[in-house]
Amino acid sequence: MREAHPRERAVGIDDYVSDDDGVGGRLRAENDHFRVVERERFESNPVDAPTGDYPYLVVRATLRGWDTNDFVRRLSNELGMSRGRVSWAGTKDKRAVSTQLFTLQGVSPDDLPSLSRADLEIVGRAGRAIQFGDLLGNEFEIVVSEPDDSTAADRVTDELRAFGDGRVAVPNFFGQQRFGSIRPVTHEVGLDIVRGDWEGAVRTYVGNPHPDERQETREARELVEDGVAWADALQAFPGGLRFERSMLHTLVENGGEEPADFREAIETLPENLQRLFVHAAQSYAFNRMLSRRLERGLPFTRPVAGDVVCFADADAPEEFPLPDVAREQRVTESRVDTVARHCERGRAFVTAPLVGTETELADGEQGEIEREVLSELSLTGADFDLPGEFHSEGTRRALLVRTALDVAREPLNFSFSLPKGSYATVLLREYLKVDPVELG
């Protein structure tokens, strides 16, 4: 195996599956070089349906150069309502052209504002808000700019097909975006929270300068590292770092000395970001478990004794296969071959845990891996018995993600679909073999 880039190793991704040097190049040179269309399982009614029964306006938005959270903030401000009345299924990155559904509570079609770089199409009305559970997956069209060797795409594809027993497949790692592409600290904040170190979580997020940040930002974070008064740190932070400034403002108001002060500072952040910290800690442990399995040479396409598999969601379409985490089974020695056939036919998935309060670890060699990783991180499932948005019961996630991939040239272009929760950049990192910053 080929060793991963140091930034990837910092988030638990230790190796590549493919040994080829790859095509090189970079992604997202322009927004329309990274196109993603969300596919949801969400029913809507005609737009003239009675608002009493169907209070949510359903809108399909195509956004160019908008981060989902920034778009929602701007949209809710234009509508004069709280962010909590806008819902969506999946969060998309800024440097892309993305198409996805939103539901707007108590909004009429005539209220919709005109926003730059956003095309809003009224789909209908719904009786409830759209949620993450409504997301099936995403369809991608991605252009690689300035590749060094386009012909390497064929060689990498062959290696990934061998890994996936005939279909293009990669380990289902959480991508760099989960942790922060420039400054990957989200999981470190989450680990501090899970360990009950609220002050450490704040200092990790607000301090902790990274060499790739702007000088003004680095200098402000260095003040936090040096232990200056919170008011002085607040004055130094650039206006664009609104989350950090919000946390610092809370510390100035409350004194910033007691654990409760630091917890309140974290809780000034949007609820989805609060959850993301803990999810990133779980994701980091998951990545390390997959890396360890890969290093040991254990299969990803089929189980070994002791593995925990989840059977397929019978309602998911064929192009977006999903595990049903409520239907899991521990694989005994006598059932390895039987369950392997289910996995070959897409009826079951070998899994690893996103550890939480309800997590039961695997047996056998995979169980050894899971216990080793959690011991190294000083984590247990009970640590996730946390207040509010930080609590997590845990779940399971497939080890492997497969896709039907089309590759075109001039320009080098990849078209594929992935089920929800899987990252396009985790597939494309195998092809480009570059610093993950170049993956966006």
Protein backbone atom coordinates (compact mmCIF):
# COMPACT_ATOMS: atom_id res chain seq x y z
CA MET A 1 0.00 0.00 0.00
CA ARG A 2 1.00 3.60 -0.55
CA GLU A 3 1.23 5.91 2.47
CA ALA A 4 -1.32 8.72 2.59
CA HIS A 5 -0.53 12.44 2.69
CA PRO A 6 0.37 13.73 6.19
CA ARG A 7 -2.84 15.82 6.35
CA GLU A 8 -4.85 12.67 5.76
CA ARG A 9 -2.92 10.71 8.33
CA ALA A 10 -3.82 13.44 10.84
CA VAL A 11 -7.50 12.52 10.42
CA GLY A 12 -7.01 8.76 10.57
CA ILE A 13 -6.54 7.93 6.86
CA ASP A 14 -3.17 6.18 6.77
CA ASP A 15 -2.93 4.69 3.26
CA TYR A 16 -4.19 4.58 -0.30
CA VAL A 17 -5.66 1.40 -1.75
CA SER A 18 -3.99 2.01 -5.12
CA ASP A 19 -0.23 2.18 -5.56
CA ASP A 20 -0.21 4.12 -8.85
CA ASP A 21 1.13 7.69 -8.80
CA GLY A 22 -2.25 8.94 -10.01
CA VAL A 23 -3.34 11.67 -12.38
CA GLY A 24 -2.27 14.67 -10.27
CA GLY A 25 -4.03 17.99 -10.79
CA ARG A 26 -6.61 19.67 -8.60
CA LEU A 27 -10.34 19.98 -8.07
CA ARG A 28 -12.67 22.98 -7.90
CA ALA A 29 -10.58 25.35 -10.03
CA GLU A 30 -14.01 26.77 -10.85
CA ASN A 31 -17.32 26.23 -9.09
CA ASP A 32 -18.88 24.49 -12.09
CA HIS A 33 -16.03 21.95 -12.10
CA PHE A 34 -17.65 20.33 -9.06
CA ARG A 35 -21.33 19.65 -9.67
CA VAL A 36 -23.45 17.73 -7.20
CA VAL A 37 -27.16 16.91 -7.40
CA GLU A 38 -28.81 15.63 -4.25
CA ARG A 39 -31.33 12.78 -4.49
CA GLU A 40 -33.93 12.62 -1.75
CA ARG A 41 -36.78 10.39 -0.70
CA PHE A 42 -39.29 13.14 0.10
CA GLU A 43 -42.85 13.57 -1.09
CA SER A 44 -44.45 16.92 -1.78
CA ASN A 45 -47.94 18.06 -2.73
CA PRO A 46 -49.04 20.68 -5.25
CA VAL A 47 -48.12 24.24 -4.35
CA ASP A 48 -51.81 25.17 -3.98
CA ALA A 49 -52.35 22.52 -1.28
CA PRO A 50 -53.92 23.98 1.90
CA THR A 51 -51.28 25.64 4.08
CA GLY A 52 -52.98 24.42 7.26
CA ASP A 53 -52.20 20.82 6.39
CA TYR A 54 -49.04 21.53 4.40
CA PRO A 55 -47.27 24.47 6.06
CA TYR A 56 -43.88 23.89 4.40
CA LEU A 57 -42.97 25.34 1.02
CA VAL A 58 -40.67 22.93 -0.84
CA VAL A 59 -37.97 24.59 -2.96
CA ARG A 60 -35.24 23.06 -5.09
CA ALA A 61 -32.24 25.37 -5.11
CA THR A 62 -29.26 25.34 -7.44
CA LEU A 63 -26.48 27.21 -5.68
CA ARG A 64 -23.23 28.46 -7.22
CA GLY A 65 -20.49 29.21 -4.75
CA TRP A 66 -22.74 29.02 -1.68
CA ASP A 67 -22.00 27.08 1.49
CA THR A 68 -25.34 25.64 2.65
CA ASN A 69 -25.21 27.29 6.07
CA ASP A 70 -24.34 30.69 4.57
CA PHE A 71 -27.16 30.37 2.06
CA VAL A 72 -29.67 29.48 4.78
CA ARG A 73 -28.52 32.44 6.87
CA ARG A 74 -28.95 34.82 3.93
CA LEU A 75 -32.29 33.31 2.89
CA SER A 76 -33.75 33.43 6.40
CA ASN A 77 -32.58 37.05 6.82
CA GLU A 78 -34.21 38.04 3.52
CA LEU A 79 -37.44 36.34 4.64
CA GLY A 80 -37.26 37.93 8.08
CA MET A 81 -37.51 34.63 9.94
CA SER A 82 -35.37 32.36 12.09
CA ARG A 83 -32.93 29.85 10.60
CA GLY A 84 -34.85 27.13 12.42
CA ARG A 85 -37.71 27.44 9.91
CA VAL A 86 -35.42 26.41 7.02
CA SER A 87 -34.56 22.71 6.70
CA TRP A 88 -32.48 20.63 4.31
CA ALA A 89 -31.21 17.07 4.00
CA GLY A 90 -27.50 17.46 3.27
CA THR A 91 -24.91 20.21 3.74
CA LYS A 92 -22.95 21.15 0.64
CA ASP A 93 -19.60 22.90 0.19
CA LYS A 94 -19.15 26.44 -1.09
CA ARG A 95 -16.85 25.73 -4.03
CA ALA A 96 -19.39 23.85 -6.12
CA VAL A 97 -22.63 24.02 -8.07
CA SER A 98 -25.07 22.12 -5.89
CA THR A 99 -28.74 21.27 -6.33
CA GLN A 100 -30.83 20.26 -3.32
CA LEU A 101 -34.23 20.55 -1.63
CA PHE A 102 -35.15 22.98 1.14
CA THR A 103 -38.38 23.29 3.12
CA LEU A 104 -39.46 26.72 4.38
CA GLN A 105 -42.01 26.82 7.19
CA GLY A 106 -44.82 29.34 6.81
CA VAL A 107 -43.53 30.84 3.56
CA SER A 108 -45.62 31.53 0.45
CA PRO A 109 -44.21 31.42 -3.09
CA ASP A 110 -44.55 35.19 -3.43
CA ASP A 111 -42.27 35.68 -0.44
CA LEU A 112 -39.24 34.06 -2.07
CA PRO A 113 -36.43 36.60 -2.56
CA SER A 114 -34.11 36.86 -5.52
CA LEU A 115 -30.60 35.94 -4.44
CA SER A 116 -27.41 36.12 -6.45
CA ARG A 117 -25.91 32.81 -7.58
CA ALA A 118 -29.07 30.96 -6.52
CA ASP A 119 -31.83 29.58 -8.74
CA LEU A 120 -34.94 28.71 -6.71
CA GLU A 121 -37.56 26.38 -8.17
CA ILE A 122 -40.85 25.92 -6.30
CA VAL A 123 -41.60 22.20 -6.06
CA GLY A 124 -44.75 22.18 -3.92
CA ARG A 125 -45.84 21.99 -0.29
CA ALA A 126 -45.25 19.42 2.46
CA GLY A 127 -46.69 18.51 5.82
CA ARG A 128 -43.28 18.25 7.48
CA ALA A 129 -39.76 19.56 7.19
CA ILE A 130 -37.17 17.68 5.16
CA GLN A 131 -34.54 15.89 7.29
CA PHE A 132 -31.20 14.14 6.87
CA GLY A 133 -33.00 10.80 6.86
CA ASP A 134 -34.71 11.82 3.60
CA LEU A 135 -31.39 11.96 1.77
CA LEU A 136 -30.56 8.98 -0.45
CA GLY A 137 -27.30 10.12 -2.00
CA ASN A 138 -25.63 12.45 -4.46
CA GLU A 139 -24.76 12.44 -8.15
CA PHE A 140 -21.43 14.02 -9.07
CA GLU A 141 -19.77 15.45 -12.17
CA ILE A 142 -16.25 16.54 -11.35
CA VAL A 143 -13.52 18.00 -13.57
CA VAL A 144 -9.83 17.58 -12.72
CA SER A 145 -7.83 20.65 -13.69
CA GLU A 146 -4.22 20.49 -14.93
CA PRO A 147 -3.70 16.72 -14.56
CA ASP A 148 -0.14 15.44 -14.90
CA ASP A 149 -1.07 12.07 -16.42
CA SER A 150 -4.68 11.46 -17.47
CA THR A 151 -3.86 7.90 -18.54
CA ALA A 152 -3.25 6.97 -14.89
CA ALA A 153 -7.04 7.06 -14.37
CA ASP A 154 -7.34 3.69 -16.11
CA ARG A 155 -4.65 2.11 -13.96
CA VAL A 156 -6.17 3.38 -10.73
CA THR A 157 -9.61 2.18 -11.85
CA ASP A 158 -8.20 -1.32 -12.37
CA GLU A 159 -6.73 -1.32 -8.86
CA LEU A 160 -9.98 -0.09 -7.29
CA ARG A 161 -11.95 -2.74 -9.17
CA ALA A 162 -9.63 -5.41 -7.82
CA PHE A 163 -10.18 -4.05 -4.31
CA GLY A 164 -13.96 -4.08 -4.83
CA ASP A 165 -14.08 -7.60 -6.33
CA GLY A 166 -15.01 -6.36 -9.80
CA ARG A 167 -16.57 -2.96 -9.02
CA VAL A 168 -14.84 0.33 -8.31
CA ALA A 169 -14.68 0.57 -4.52
CA VAL A 170 -12.78 2.36 -1.76
CA PRO A 171 -12.79 2.24 2.04
CA ASN A 172 -15.71 4.37 3.24
CA PHE A 173 -13.50 6.91 5.03
CA PHE A 174 -14.83 10.23 6.25
CA GLY A 175 -13.23 12.84 4.02
CA GLN A 176 -11.06 15.78 4.99
CA GLN A 177 -14.05 18.14 4.91
CA ARG A 178 -15.44 16.38 7.97
CA PHE A 179 -12.50 17.65 10.01
CA GLY A 180 -11.61 20.93 8.31
CA SER A 181 -9.72 21.06 5.02
CA ILE A 182 -7.24 23.81 5.97
CA ARG A 183 -7.22 23.44 9.76
CA PRO A 184 -8.38 19.91 10.63
CA VAL A 185 -9.34 20.38 14.29
CA THR A 186 -13.05 19.56 14.38
CA HIS A 187 -12.42 16.06 15.72
CA GLU A 188 -9.97 17.39 18.29
CA VAL A 189 -12.65 19.74 19.62
CA GLY A 190 -15.03 16.77 19.71
CA LEU A 191 -12.53 14.62 21.61
CA ASP A 192 -12.13 17.40 24.19
CA ILE A 193 -15.91 17.61 24.59
CA VAL A 194 -16.32 13.85 24.94
CA ARG A 195 -13.60 13.83 27.61
CA GLY A 196 -15.40 16.60 29.52
CA ASP A 197 -12.72 19.22 28.85
CA TRP A 198 -14.88 22.20 27.84
CA GLU A 199 -12.06 24.72 28.20
CA GLY A 200 -9.82 22.54 26.07
CA ALA A 201 -12.55 22.37 23.41
CA VAL A 202 -12.82 26.16 23.27
CA ARG A 203 -9.07 26.69 23.13
CA THR A 204 -8.68 24.03 20.44
CA TYR A 205 -11.30 25.72 18.27
CA VAL A 206 -10.45 29.39 18.92
CA GLY A 207 -6.69 29.01 19.35
CA ASN A 208 -4.57 26.39 17.66
CA PRO A 209 -3.17 28.46 14.74
CA HIS A 210 -2.38 26.71 11.48
CA PRO A 211 0.41 27.79 9.10
CA ASP A 212 -1.90 27.80 6.08
CA GLU A 213 -4.24 30.41 7.58
CA ARG A 214 -3.99 34.14 6.92
CA GLN A 215 -1.42 35.97 9.04
CA GLU A 216 -4.08 38.09 10.80
CA THR A 217 -5.96 34.93 11.80
CA ARG A 218 -2.80 33.15 12.98
CA GLU A 219 -1.80 36.10 15.11
CA ALA A 220 -5.24 36.26 16.74
CA ARG A 221 -5.17 32.54 17.53
CA GLU A 222 -1.65 32.88 18.93
CA LEU A 223 -2.99 35.39 21.47
CA VAL A 224 -5.35 32.71 22.73
CA GLU A 225 -2.44 30.27 22.92
CA ASP A 226 -0.50 32.87 24.94
CA GLY A 227 -3.36 33.16 27.43
CA VAL A 228 -4.29 36.82 26.95
CA ALA A 229 -7.52 38.20 28.42
CA TRP A 230 -10.60 37.12 26.49
CA ALA A 231 -11.52 40.76 25.77
CA ASP A 232 -8.13 41.34 24.15
CA ALA A 233 -8.49 38.18 22.08
CA LEU A 234 -11.96 39.25 20.94
CA GLN A 235 -10.64 42.60 19.80
CA ALA A 236 -7.93 40.90 17.74
CA PHE A 237 -10.12 38.38 15.90
CA PRO A 238 -11.11 39.33 12.33
CA GLY A 239 -14.81 40.01 11.76
CA GLY A 240 -15.08 37.12 9.31
CA LEU A 241 -14.43 34.57 12.07
CA ARG A 242 -17.92 35.02 13.48
CA PHE A 243 -18.06 31.67 15.29
CA GLU A 244 -14.84 32.35 17.17
CA ARG A 245 -15.98 35.88 17.95
CA SER A 246 -19.32 34.61 19.25
CA MET A 247 -17.54 32.21 21.61
CA LEU A 248 -15.14 34.89 22.81
CA HIS A 249 -17.95 37.38 23.37
CA THR A 250 -19.68 34.83 25.62
CA LEU A 251 -16.47 34.26 27.57
CA VAL A 252 -16.03 38.02 28.05
CA GLU A 253 -19.60 38.34 29.34
CA ASN A 254 -19.38 35.34 31.71
CA GLY A 255 -15.84 35.71 32.93
CA GLY A 256 -14.34 32.69 31.13
CA GLU A 257 -13.07 30.93 34.23
CA GLU A 258 -15.53 28.13 35.05
CA PRO A 259 -16.25 24.96 33.02
CA ALA A 260 -19.85 26.19 32.61
CA ASP A 261 -18.55 29.36 30.92
CA PHE A 262 -16.67 27.34 28.32
CA ARG A 263 -19.58 24.99 27.72
CA GLU A 264 -21.88 27.98 27.18
CA ALA A 265 -19.37 29.40 24.71
CA ILE A 266 -19.49 26.17 22.68
CA GLU A 267 -23.29 26.22 22.86
CA THR A 268 -23.43 29.66 21.18
CA LEU A 269 -22.55 27.87 17.94
CA PRO A 270 -25.28 26.53 15.60
CA GLU A 271 -26.70 23.22 16.80
CA ASN A 272 -25.54 21.40 13.68
CA LEU A 273 -21.96 22.51 14.36
CA GLN A 274 -22.22 21.40 18.00
CA ARG A 275 -23.28 17.95 16.79
CA LEU A 276 -20.52 17.96 14.18
CA PHE A 277 -17.81 18.19 16.83
CA VAL A 278 -18.89 14.91 18.43
CA HIS A 279 -19.60 13.32 15.05
CA ALA A 280 -16.09 14.27 13.93
CA ALA A 281 -14.60 12.56 16.98
CA GLN A 282 -16.58 9.42 16.10
CA SER A 283 -15.48 9.76 12.46
CA TYR A 284 -11.82 10.02 13.42
CA ALA A 285 -12.05 6.79 15.44
CA PHE A 286 -13.88 5.14 12.53
CA ASN A 287 -11.17 6.20 10.05
CA ARG A 288 -8.49 4.77 12.30
CA MET A 289 -10.39 1.48 12.53
CA LEU A 290 -10.60 1.26 8.72
CA SER A 291 -6.92 2.12 8.33
CA ARG A 292 -6.00 -0.58 10.80
CA ARG A 293 -8.18 -3.14 8.99
CA LEU A 294 -6.57 -2.20 5.68
CA GLU A 295 -3.08 -2.56 7.15
CA ARG A 296 -3.93 -6.01 8.52
CA GLY A 297 -5.10 -7.12 5.08
CA LEU A 298 -8.62 -7.98 6.18
CA PRO A 299 -11.27 -7.91 3.43
CA PHE A 300 -13.70 -5.05 3.01
CA THR A 301 -16.09 -6.70 0.54
CA ARG A 302 -16.89 -9.70 2.75
CA PRO A 303 -16.91 -10.50 6.46
CA VAL A 304 -14.58 -12.44 8.67
CA ALA A 305 -15.70 -14.18 11.85
CA GLY A 306 -16.64 -11.66 14.51
CA ASP A 307 -17.65 -8.89 12.10
CA VAL A 308 -20.96 -7.09 12.49
CA VAL A 309 -22.93 -6.73 9.26
CA CYS A 310 -26.01 -4.65 8.54
CA PHE A 311 -28.50 -5.83 5.96
CA ALA A 312 -29.53 -3.54 3.12
CA ASP A 313 -32.31 -0.98 3.39
CA ALA A 314 -34.99 -2.64 1.26
CA ASP A 315 -36.52 0.74 0.35
CA ALA A 316 -33.30 2.29 -0.97
CA PRO A 317 -32.91 2.37 -4.78
CA GLU A 318 -30.25 0.24 -6.41
CA GLU A 319 -28.04 3.21 -7.30
CA PHE A 320 -27.97 4.35 -3.65
CA PRO A 321 -27.54 1.18 -1.56
CA LEU A 322 -27.76 1.87 2.15
CA PRO A 323 -27.36 -0.32 5.23
CA ASP A 324 -30.32 -0.62 7.57
CA VAL A 325 -28.57 -0.12 10.92
CA ALA A 326 -31.59 -1.56 12.73
CA ARG A 327 -30.95 -4.93 11.04
CA GLU A 328 -27.53 -6.04 12.17
CA GLN A 329 -26.02 -9.46 12.72
CA ARG A 330 -22.81 -10.67 14.31
CA VAL A 331 -21.06 -13.08 11.95
CA THR A 332 -20.11 -16.43 13.45
CA GLU A 333 -17.52 -18.78 11.94
CA SER A 334 -20.27 -21.06 10.63
CA ARG A 335 -22.05 -18.21 8.79
CA VAL A 336 -19.11 -16.44 7.19
CA ASP A 337 -19.70 -17.94 3.73
CA THR A 338 -23.46 -17.38 3.84
CA VAL A 339 -23.15 -13.74 4.86
CA ALA A 340 -20.37 -13.24 2.30
CA ARG A 341 -22.83 -14.18 -0.45
CA HIS A 342 -25.26 -11.57 0.84
CA CYS A 343 -22.49 -8.97 0.74
CA GLU A 344 -21.51 -9.96 -2.83
CA ARG A 345 -25.12 -9.41 -3.95
CA GLY A 346 -25.43 -6.05 -2.20
CA ARG A 347 -27.82 -7.41 0.43
CA ALA A 348 -25.51 -6.79 3.40
CA PHE A 349 -22.59 -4.57 4.40
CA VAL A 350 -19.65 -5.22 6.69
CA THR A 351 -19.60 -2.37 9.22
CA ALA A 352 -17.56 -0.64 11.90
CA PRO A 353 -18.96 1.50 14.71
CA LEU A 354 -19.43 5.22 15.09
CA VAL A 355 -19.04 4.69 18.79
CA GLY A 356 -21.69 5.95 21.23
CA THR A 357 -23.57 4.99 24.36
CA GLU A 358 -25.33 2.03 22.70
CA THR A 359 -22.34 0.66 20.77
CA GLU A 360 -21.53 -3.03 20.93
CA LEU A 361 -18.12 -3.77 19.50
CA ALA A 362 -17.32 -6.59 17.10
CA ASP A 363 -15.67 -9.87 18.04
CA GLY A 364 -12.66 -11.55 16.46
CA GLU A 365 -9.93 -9.60 14.71
CA GLN A 366 -12.16 -6.63 13.90
CA GLY A 367 -13.13 -6.45 17.55
CA GLU A 368 -9.43 -6.31 18.45
CA ILE A 369 -9.00 -3.39 16.08
CA GLU A 370 -11.96 -1.48 17.52
CA ARG A 371 -10.81 -1.96 21.11
CA GLU A 372 -7.23 -0.98 20.24
CA VAL A 373 -8.33 2.28 18.60
CA LEU A 374 -10.68 3.26 21.42
CA SER A 375 -8.03 2.45 24.00
CA GLU A 376 -5.48 4.60 22.16
CA LEU A 377 -7.96 7.49 22.16
CA SER A 378 -8.99 6.87 25.80
CA LEU A 379 -12.63 6.58 24.70
CA THR A 380 -15.52 4.41 25.77
CA GLY A 381 -19.12 4.35 24.65
CA ALA A 382 -20.20 5.77 28.02
CA ASP A 383 -18.19 8.95 27.31
CA PHE A 384 -20.85 9.94 24.77
CA ASP A 385 -23.53 10.23 27.47
CA LEU A 386 -23.40 14.01 27.13
CA PRO A 387 -25.84 16.91 27.50
CA GLY A 388 -27.96 18.33 24.70
CA GLU A 389 -26.66 18.24 21.15
CA PHE A 390 -23.46 16.48 22.22
CA HIS A 391 -25.15 13.22 23.24
CA SER A 392 -24.78 10.28 20.85
CA GLU A 393 -26.00 6.70 21.02
CA GLY A 394 -23.73 5.80 18.11
CA THR A 395 -24.50 3.82 15.00
CA ARG A 396 -22.75 1.61 12.44
CA ARG A 397 -21.35 2.50 9.03
CA ALA A 398 -20.37 0.39 6.03
CA LEU A 399 -16.64 -0.26 5.63
CA LEU A 400 -16.81 -0.08 1.84
CA VAL A 401 -18.43 2.16 -0.75
CA ARG A 402 -18.85 1.04 -4.36
CA THR A 403 -19.87 3.07 -7.38
CA ALA A 404 -20.45 2.86 -11.12
CA LEU A 405 -17.84 5.26 -12.47
CA ASP A 406 -17.57 6.94 -15.87
CA VAL A 407 -14.31 8.66 -16.83
CA ALA A 408 -14.05 11.05 -19.77
CA ARG A 409 -11.06 13.02 -21.04
CA GLU A 410 -10.42 16.50 -22.44
CA PRO A 411 -11.15 17.64 -19.84
CA LEU A 412 -10.59 14.78 -17.40
CA ASN A 413 -14.04 14.27 -15.90
CA PHE A 414 -15.45 11.79 -13.38
CA SER A 415 -19.17 11.01 -13.17
CA PHE A 416 -20.52 8.81 -10.38
CA SER A 417 -23.11 8.47 -7.61
CA LEU A 418 -22.57 7.81 -3.92
CA PRO A 419 -24.99 6.98 -1.11
CA LYS A 420 -25.48 9.55 1.61
CA GLY A 421 -22.64 9.99 4.04
CA SER A 422 -19.95 8.95 1.53
CA TYR A 423 -17.46 11.47 0.18
CA ALA A 424 -16.59 12.15 -3.44
CA THR A 425 -13.12 13.26 -2.37
CA VAL A 426 -12.46 9.87 -0.72
CA LEU A 427 -12.87 8.27 -4.14
CA LEU A 428 -10.98 10.97 -6.04
CA ARG A 429 -8.03 11.09 -3.62
CA GLU A 430 -7.11 7.66 -5.00
CA TYR A 431 -6.95 9.15 -8.50
CA LEU A 432 -5.18 12.45 -7.81
CA LYS A 433 -2.70 11.48 -5.04
CA VAL A 434 -2.28 15.12 -4.00
CA ASP A 435 -2.39 17.26 -0.89
CA PRO A 436 -6.05 17.10 0.24
CA VAL A 437 -6.16 20.90 0.10
CA GLU A 438 -6.14 20.47 -3.70
CA LEU A 439 -9.27 18.32 -3.37
CA GLY A 440 -11.18 21.19 -1.81
